[in-house]
Amino acid sequence: MAIDVSAVYTLPNAASAVQQEAAKPRAKPGDVMRTEPPVSMDTIIGELVDVSAAFNKRLSFSLNEKLGQVVVKVIDTDTDKVIREIPPAELQHVNERIREVIGILFDERA
């Protein structure tokens, strides 16, 4: 199956789209930006769980308290084995050791 892209995006339409974008008012310093209402973390995590279930995987979120960093584990639901950990455990360990060395080299009270 082929789609004729030229029928969808023709040059005159593209030029008018650029003109319309240029005509939009621009934000000025001091303007308040309009943003979408905040979405709860429970909603986001629920959506991630639904998507991961479609791929026969489970996501596990935890907090590495030493680093103050979120750790995500992708787990195969059939075997309950960790497929991937983000960031990897080795990288977390290296990061912890670097923080320890920095603490030894530089006195945080100074």
N, C-alpha and C. Protein backbone atom coordinates (compact mmCIF):
# COMPACT_ATOMS: atom_id res chain seq x y z
N MET A 1 0.84 -1.17 0.00
CA MET A 1 0.00 0.00 0.00
C MET A 1 0.89 1.24 0.00
N ALA A 2 0.58 2.19 -0.84
CA ALA A 2 1.37 3.41 -0.93
C ALA A 2 0.49 4.61 -0.63
N ILE A 3 1.10 5.60 -0.03
CA ILE A 3 0.40 6.85 0.25
C ILE A 3 1.08 7.94 -0.54
N ASP A 4 0.26 8.72 -1.25
CA ASP A 4 0.80 9.82 -2.03
C ASP A 4 0.99 11.01 -1.11
N VAL A 5 2.24 11.25 -0.72
CA VAL A 5 2.54 12.33 0.22
C VAL A 5 2.28 13.69 -0.41
N SER A 6 2.46 13.82 -1.70
CA SER A 6 2.26 15.12 -2.34
C SER A 6 0.81 15.56 -2.27
N ALA A 7 -0.12 14.61 -2.18
CA ALA A 7 -1.52 14.98 -2.06
C ALA A 7 -1.82 15.51 -0.66
N VAL A 8 -1.04 15.10 0.31
CA VAL A 8 -1.27 15.53 1.68
C VAL A 8 -0.57 16.85 1.96
N TYR A 9 0.70 16.94 1.57
CA TYR A 9 1.48 18.15 1.82
C TYR A 9 1.86 18.79 0.49
N THR A 10 1.11 19.76 0.09
CA THR A 10 1.47 20.48 -1.13
C THR A 10 2.17 21.76 -0.73
N LEU A 11 2.95 22.29 -1.62
CA LEU A 11 3.74 23.47 -1.33
C LEU A 11 2.89 24.67 -0.93
N PRO A 12 1.78 24.99 -1.61
CA PRO A 12 0.98 26.13 -1.17
C PRO A 12 0.45 25.96 0.26
N ASN A 13 0.04 24.76 0.64
CA ASN A 13 -0.45 24.54 2.00
C ASN A 13 0.67 24.71 3.01
N ALA A 14 1.86 24.26 2.68
CA ALA A 14 2.99 24.39 3.59
C ALA A 14 3.33 25.85 3.78
N ALA A 15 3.29 26.64 2.71
CA ALA A 15 3.60 28.06 2.81
C ALA A 15 2.56 28.77 3.67
N SER A 16 1.29 28.43 3.52
CA SER A 16 0.27 29.08 4.33
C SER A 16 0.40 28.67 5.80
N ALA A 17 0.83 27.44 6.05
CA ALA A 17 1.03 27.01 7.43
C ALA A 17 2.15 27.80 8.09
N VAL A 18 3.21 28.09 7.32
CA VAL A 18 4.32 28.88 7.85
C VAL A 18 3.85 30.30 8.13
N GLN A 19 3.03 30.85 7.24
CA GLN A 19 2.51 32.20 7.44
C GLN A 19 1.60 32.26 8.66
N GLN A 20 0.77 31.25 8.85
CA GLN A 20 -0.11 31.22 10.01
C GLN A 20 0.69 31.13 11.30
N GLU A 21 1.75 30.34 11.30
CA GLU A 21 2.59 30.20 12.49
C GLU A 21 3.28 31.51 12.81
N ALA A 22 3.72 32.23 11.77
CA ALA A 22 4.40 33.51 11.98
C ALA A 22 3.44 34.56 12.50
N ALA A 23 2.15 34.46 12.17
CA ALA A 23 1.15 35.44 12.59
C ALA A 23 0.71 35.24 14.03
N LYS A 24 1.01 34.10 14.64
CA LYS A 24 0.60 33.85 16.01
C LYS A 24 1.33 34.80 16.95
N PRO A 25 0.64 35.25 18.01
CA PRO A 25 1.32 36.14 18.97
C PRO A 25 2.42 35.40 19.72
N ARG A 26 3.50 36.08 19.96
CA ARG A 26 4.65 35.50 20.65
C ARG A 26 4.62 35.89 22.13
N ALA A 27 5.21 35.05 22.95
CA ALA A 27 5.29 35.34 24.38
C ALA A 27 6.29 36.47 24.61
N LYS A 28 5.95 37.34 25.55
CA LYS A 28 6.82 38.45 25.90
C LYS A 28 7.39 38.20 27.29
N PRO A 29 8.50 38.82 27.62
CA PRO A 29 9.02 38.66 28.97
C PRO A 29 7.97 39.09 30.00
N GLY A 30 7.81 38.28 31.01
CA GLY A 30 6.82 38.57 32.05
C GLY A 30 5.47 37.94 31.80
N ASP A 31 5.24 37.41 30.59
CA ASP A 31 3.98 36.72 30.31
C ASP A 31 3.90 35.43 31.10
N VAL A 32 2.72 35.09 31.52
CA VAL A 32 2.51 33.84 32.23
C VAL A 32 2.21 32.77 31.20
N MET A 33 2.98 31.67 31.27
CA MET A 33 2.77 30.58 30.32
C MET A 33 1.58 29.75 30.75
N ARG A 34 0.76 29.37 29.82
CA ARG A 34 -0.35 28.48 30.10
C ARG A 34 0.12 27.06 29.93
N THR A 35 -0.10 26.27 30.94
CA THR A 35 0.30 24.87 30.87
C THR A 35 -0.91 24.01 31.13
N GLU A 36 -0.79 22.76 30.79
CA GLU A 36 -1.87 21.82 31.05
C GLU A 36 -1.92 21.56 32.55
N PRO A 37 -3.10 21.19 33.04
CA PRO A 37 -3.18 20.89 34.48
C PRO A 37 -2.27 19.72 34.83
N PRO A 38 -1.73 19.72 36.05
CA PRO A 38 -0.82 18.64 36.43
C PRO A 38 -1.52 17.28 36.43
N VAL A 39 -0.77 16.27 36.07
CA VAL A 39 -1.30 14.91 36.05
C VAL A 39 -0.68 14.18 37.23
N SER A 40 -1.48 13.41 37.93
CA SER A 40 -0.96 12.72 39.11
C SER A 40 -0.02 11.58 38.69
N MET A 41 0.93 11.28 39.56
CA MET A 41 1.87 10.20 39.29
C MET A 41 1.16 8.87 39.22
N ASP A 42 0.09 8.70 40.01
CA ASP A 42 -0.66 7.44 39.98
C ASP A 42 -1.25 7.20 38.60
N THR A 43 -1.73 8.25 37.95
CA THR A 43 -2.29 8.13 36.60
C THR A 43 -1.20 7.72 35.61
N ILE A 44 -0.06 8.36 35.69
CA ILE A 44 1.05 8.06 34.78
C ILE A 44 1.53 6.63 34.99
N ILE A 45 1.73 6.24 36.23
CA ILE A 45 2.20 4.89 36.52
C ILE A 45 1.18 3.86 36.07
N GLY A 46 -0.11 4.15 36.26
CA GLY A 46 -1.15 3.24 35.80
C GLY A 46 -1.11 3.04 34.29
N GLU A 47 -0.87 4.13 33.55
CA GLU A 47 -0.77 4.02 32.09
C GLU A 47 0.46 3.21 31.69
N LEU A 48 1.57 3.43 32.39
CA LEU A 48 2.78 2.66 32.09
C LEU A 48 2.57 1.17 32.37
N VAL A 49 1.86 0.85 33.43
CA VAL A 49 1.58 -0.55 33.75
C VAL A 49 0.72 -1.19 32.66
N ASP A 50 -0.28 -0.45 32.19
CA ASP A 50 -1.15 -0.97 31.12
C ASP A 50 -0.35 -1.23 29.85
N VAL A 51 0.53 -0.30 29.49
CA VAL A 51 1.33 -0.47 28.27
C VAL A 51 2.29 -1.64 28.43
N SER A 52 2.93 -1.75 29.59
CA SER A 52 3.89 -2.83 29.77
C SER A 52 3.20 -4.19 29.79
N ALA A 53 1.97 -4.26 30.29
CA ALA A 53 1.23 -5.53 30.30
C ALA A 53 0.95 -6.01 28.88
N ALA A 54 0.79 -5.07 27.96
CA ALA A 54 0.56 -5.44 26.57
C ALA A 54 1.77 -6.15 25.97
N PHE A 55 2.95 -5.89 26.50
CA PHE A 55 4.17 -6.51 26.00
C PHE A 55 4.64 -7.67 26.88
N ASN A 56 3.77 -8.14 27.77
CA ASN A 56 4.06 -9.25 28.67
C ASN A 56 5.26 -8.93 29.57
N LYS A 57 5.33 -7.68 29.99
CA LYS A 57 6.39 -7.22 30.88
C LYS A 57 5.75 -6.47 32.04
N ARG A 58 6.51 -6.35 33.13
CA ARG A 58 6.05 -5.60 34.30
C ARG A 58 7.12 -4.57 34.64
N LEU A 59 6.68 -3.39 35.02
CA LEU A 59 7.61 -2.34 35.43
C LEU A 59 7.58 -2.20 36.94
N SER A 60 8.76 -2.10 37.52
CA SER A 60 8.88 -1.91 38.96
C SER A 60 9.65 -0.62 39.21
N PHE A 61 9.06 0.29 39.97
CA PHE A 61 9.70 1.56 40.27
C PHE A 61 10.15 1.55 41.73
N SER A 62 11.39 1.97 41.96
CA SER A 62 11.89 2.06 43.33
C SER A 62 12.79 3.28 43.42
N LEU A 63 13.18 3.61 44.64
CA LEU A 63 14.02 4.78 44.87
C LEU A 63 15.33 4.33 45.51
N ASN A 64 16.43 4.68 44.87
CA ASN A 64 17.74 4.45 45.46
C ASN A 64 17.98 5.61 46.43
N GLU A 65 17.85 5.32 47.72
CA GLU A 65 17.90 6.39 48.72
C GLU A 65 19.28 7.02 48.83
N LYS A 66 20.33 6.27 48.57
CA LYS A 66 21.68 6.84 48.63
C LYS A 66 21.89 7.90 47.55
N LEU A 67 21.29 7.67 46.38
CA LEU A 67 21.47 8.59 45.26
C LEU A 67 20.30 9.55 45.11
N GLY A 68 19.15 9.22 45.72
CA GLY A 68 17.96 10.03 45.51
C GLY A 68 17.48 9.93 44.08
N GLN A 69 17.58 8.73 43.51
CA GLN A 69 17.31 8.52 42.09
C GLN A 69 16.30 7.39 41.93
N VAL A 70 15.40 7.55 40.97
CA VAL A 70 14.41 6.51 40.69
C VAL A 70 15.06 5.42 39.87
N VAL A 71 14.76 4.17 40.23
CA VAL A 71 15.28 3.01 39.51
C VAL A 71 14.08 2.26 38.93
N VAL A 72 14.14 1.95 37.65
CA VAL A 72 13.07 1.23 36.97
C VAL A 72 13.59 -0.14 36.58
N LYS A 73 12.83 -1.17 36.91
CA LYS A 73 13.18 -2.52 36.50
C LYS A 73 12.12 -3.03 35.56
N VAL A 74 12.56 -3.60 34.43
CA VAL A 74 11.66 -4.24 33.48
C VAL A 74 11.73 -5.73 33.76
N ILE A 75 10.59 -6.33 34.11
CA ILE A 75 10.55 -7.72 34.55
C ILE A 75 9.67 -8.52 33.61
N ASP A 76 10.16 -9.69 33.19
CA ASP A 76 9.37 -10.60 32.37
C ASP A 76 8.33 -11.26 33.27
N THR A 77 7.06 -11.16 32.91
CA THR A 77 6.00 -11.69 33.77
C THR A 77 5.96 -13.21 33.78
N ASP A 78 6.46 -13.86 32.73
CA ASP A 78 6.45 -15.32 32.68
C ASP A 78 7.49 -15.93 33.61
N THR A 79 8.70 -15.38 33.60
CA THR A 79 9.80 -15.96 34.36
C THR A 79 10.14 -15.18 35.63
N ASP A 80 9.57 -14.01 35.81
CA ASP A 80 9.87 -13.12 36.93
C ASP A 80 11.35 -12.75 37.01
N LYS A 81 12.02 -12.71 35.88
CA LYS A 81 13.43 -12.30 35.82
C LYS A 81 13.51 -10.84 35.40
N VAL A 82 14.49 -10.14 35.96
CA VAL A 82 14.73 -8.76 35.58
C VAL A 82 15.41 -8.74 34.23
N ILE A 83 14.77 -8.12 33.26
CA ILE A 83 15.32 -8.03 31.91
C ILE A 83 16.30 -6.85 31.82
N ARG A 84 15.88 -5.73 32.40
CA ARG A 84 16.71 -4.53 32.34
C ARG A 84 16.45 -3.68 33.58
N GLU A 85 17.50 -3.03 34.05
CA GLU A 85 17.39 -2.10 35.17
C GLU A 85 17.92 -0.76 34.70
N ILE A 86 17.15 0.28 34.93
CA ILE A 86 17.53 1.61 34.45
C ILE A 86 17.58 2.56 35.65
N PRO A 87 18.69 3.17 35.98
CA PRO A 87 20.02 2.94 35.46
C PRO A 87 20.56 1.58 35.93
N PRO A 88 21.51 1.02 35.20
CA PRO A 88 22.05 -0.29 35.57
C PRO A 88 22.66 -0.29 36.97
N ALA A 89 22.61 -1.44 37.62
CA ALA A 89 23.12 -1.57 38.99
C ALA A 89 24.59 -1.17 39.08
N GLU A 90 25.38 -1.51 38.06
CA GLU A 90 26.80 -1.17 38.06
C GLU A 90 26.99 0.35 38.06
N LEU A 91 26.19 1.03 37.28
CA LEU A 91 26.28 2.49 37.20
C LEU A 91 25.85 3.13 38.52
N GLN A 92 24.85 2.55 39.16
CA GLN A 92 24.43 3.06 40.47
C GLN A 92 25.57 2.91 41.48
N HIS A 93 26.23 1.76 41.44
CA HIS A 93 27.34 1.51 42.36
C HIS A 93 28.48 2.49 42.11
N VAL A 94 28.81 2.72 40.85
CA VAL A 94 29.88 3.67 40.51
C VAL A 94 29.52 5.07 41.01
N ASN A 95 28.27 5.46 40.82
CA ASN A 95 27.81 6.77 41.25
C ASN A 95 27.92 6.91 42.78
N GLU A 96 27.56 5.85 43.50
CA GLU A 96 27.68 5.87 44.96
C GLU A 96 29.15 6.03 45.38
N ARG A 97 30.05 5.28 44.72
CA ARG A 97 31.48 5.35 45.06
C ARG A 97 32.05 6.74 44.75
N ILE A 98 31.61 7.34 43.64
CA ILE A 98 32.09 8.68 43.30
C ILE A 98 31.65 9.67 44.37
N ARG A 99 30.42 9.55 44.83
CA ARG A 99 29.94 10.45 45.89
C ARG A 99 30.73 10.24 47.18
N GLU A 100 31.09 9.00 47.48
CA GLU A 100 31.89 8.73 48.68
C GLU A 100 33.26 9.38 48.57
N VAL A 101 33.90 9.22 47.40
CA VAL A 101 35.24 9.78 47.19
C VAL A 101 35.19 11.30 47.26
N ILE A 102 34.18 11.88 46.67
CA ILE A 102 34.05 13.35 46.72
C ILE A 102 33.89 13.80 48.17
N GLY A 103 33.12 13.02 48.94
CA GLY A 103 32.95 13.34 50.36
C GLY A 103 34.25 13.26 51.13
N ILE A 104 35.14 12.34 50.74
CA ILE A 104 36.43 12.20 51.40
C ILE A 104 37.36 13.33 50.99
N LEU A 105 37.36 13.67 49.70
CA LEU A 105 38.26 14.71 49.19
C LEU A 105 37.88 16.11 49.65
N PHE A 106 36.59 16.38 49.66
CA PHE A 106 36.13 17.72 49.99
C PHE A 106 35.25 17.65 51.22
N ASP A 107 35.62 18.37 52.23
CA ASP A 107 34.85 18.40 53.47
C ASP A 107 33.61 19.25 53.19
N GLU A 108 32.43 18.66 53.37
CA GLU A 108 31.19 19.38 53.05
C GLU A 108 30.93 20.51 54.02
N ARG A 109 31.60 20.53 55.16
CA ARG A 109 31.38 21.62 56.13
C ARG A 109 32.10 22.90 55.72
N ALA A 110 33.09 22.80 54.88
CA ALA A 110 33.90 23.97 54.52
C ALA A 110 33.16 24.88 53.58
